[in-house]
Amino acid sequence: MADIARIIEVVEPEARALGFELVRVKMLGSEAGDEPALQIMAEDPATGQLVIEQCAELSRRVSDAIDALEEQGEVLIAGAYRLEVSSPGIDRPLTRAKDFAAWAGHEAKVSLTEKLDGRRDFRGDLVGIAGDVVTIEDRKQGPVSFPFASIHSAKLVLTDRLIAATRPLDASGADEILEEEEG
């Protein structure tokens, strides 16, 4: 299994050099028969997204950094894998403490590492974060608070309110995409 902490040590400076912030670094699809993928989500702090050119630029920098380490004998990911660099999207994962503050008032799904009051999964409006304690107004239970460190995964739920609050995605270059006819 790949050492995600070490991969972040390599990827984060490359993202920062381009003015981007990492949202998530994760290995996907490592089950038997699937080629694993190194998924990197990043954002431009000015827009909260990455456009295609920015993804390509970050992808090239990450590939070059990983290749350079491999040439020096350090293998970060054993075997073949795909590199996927993307913007976090509207219904983005919430991975950093600041995400829980920035997206307060929006609906989210949160899954904890261990049960709290007999439940592991919560869904409702984020109240925010105070110190290291996240609070969500759960649909079933009302206000629920838990340590940030106890979160297994969290993401925003796509709602009309979220769409209205999100800056429009930059569609520059979209008219240049060619579609091939099936024949």
Foldseek 3Di string as FASTA:
>chain_A
DFDQVVLCVQLQVLQVVVQKGWQDWDWDDPPPPGAIETETAIARVVAQFDDPVRQVSSVVSSVVSQVVVVVVPDHRDPDDYHYHYGHQDLFGKHDDLVSLAVQAQFWKWWAFPDDDPNDGIFIAGWNHDDDQKTWGQGPVPGIDIDGVVRTPIMTTDDDPVSVVVHDDDDCPPVVVDDDDDDD
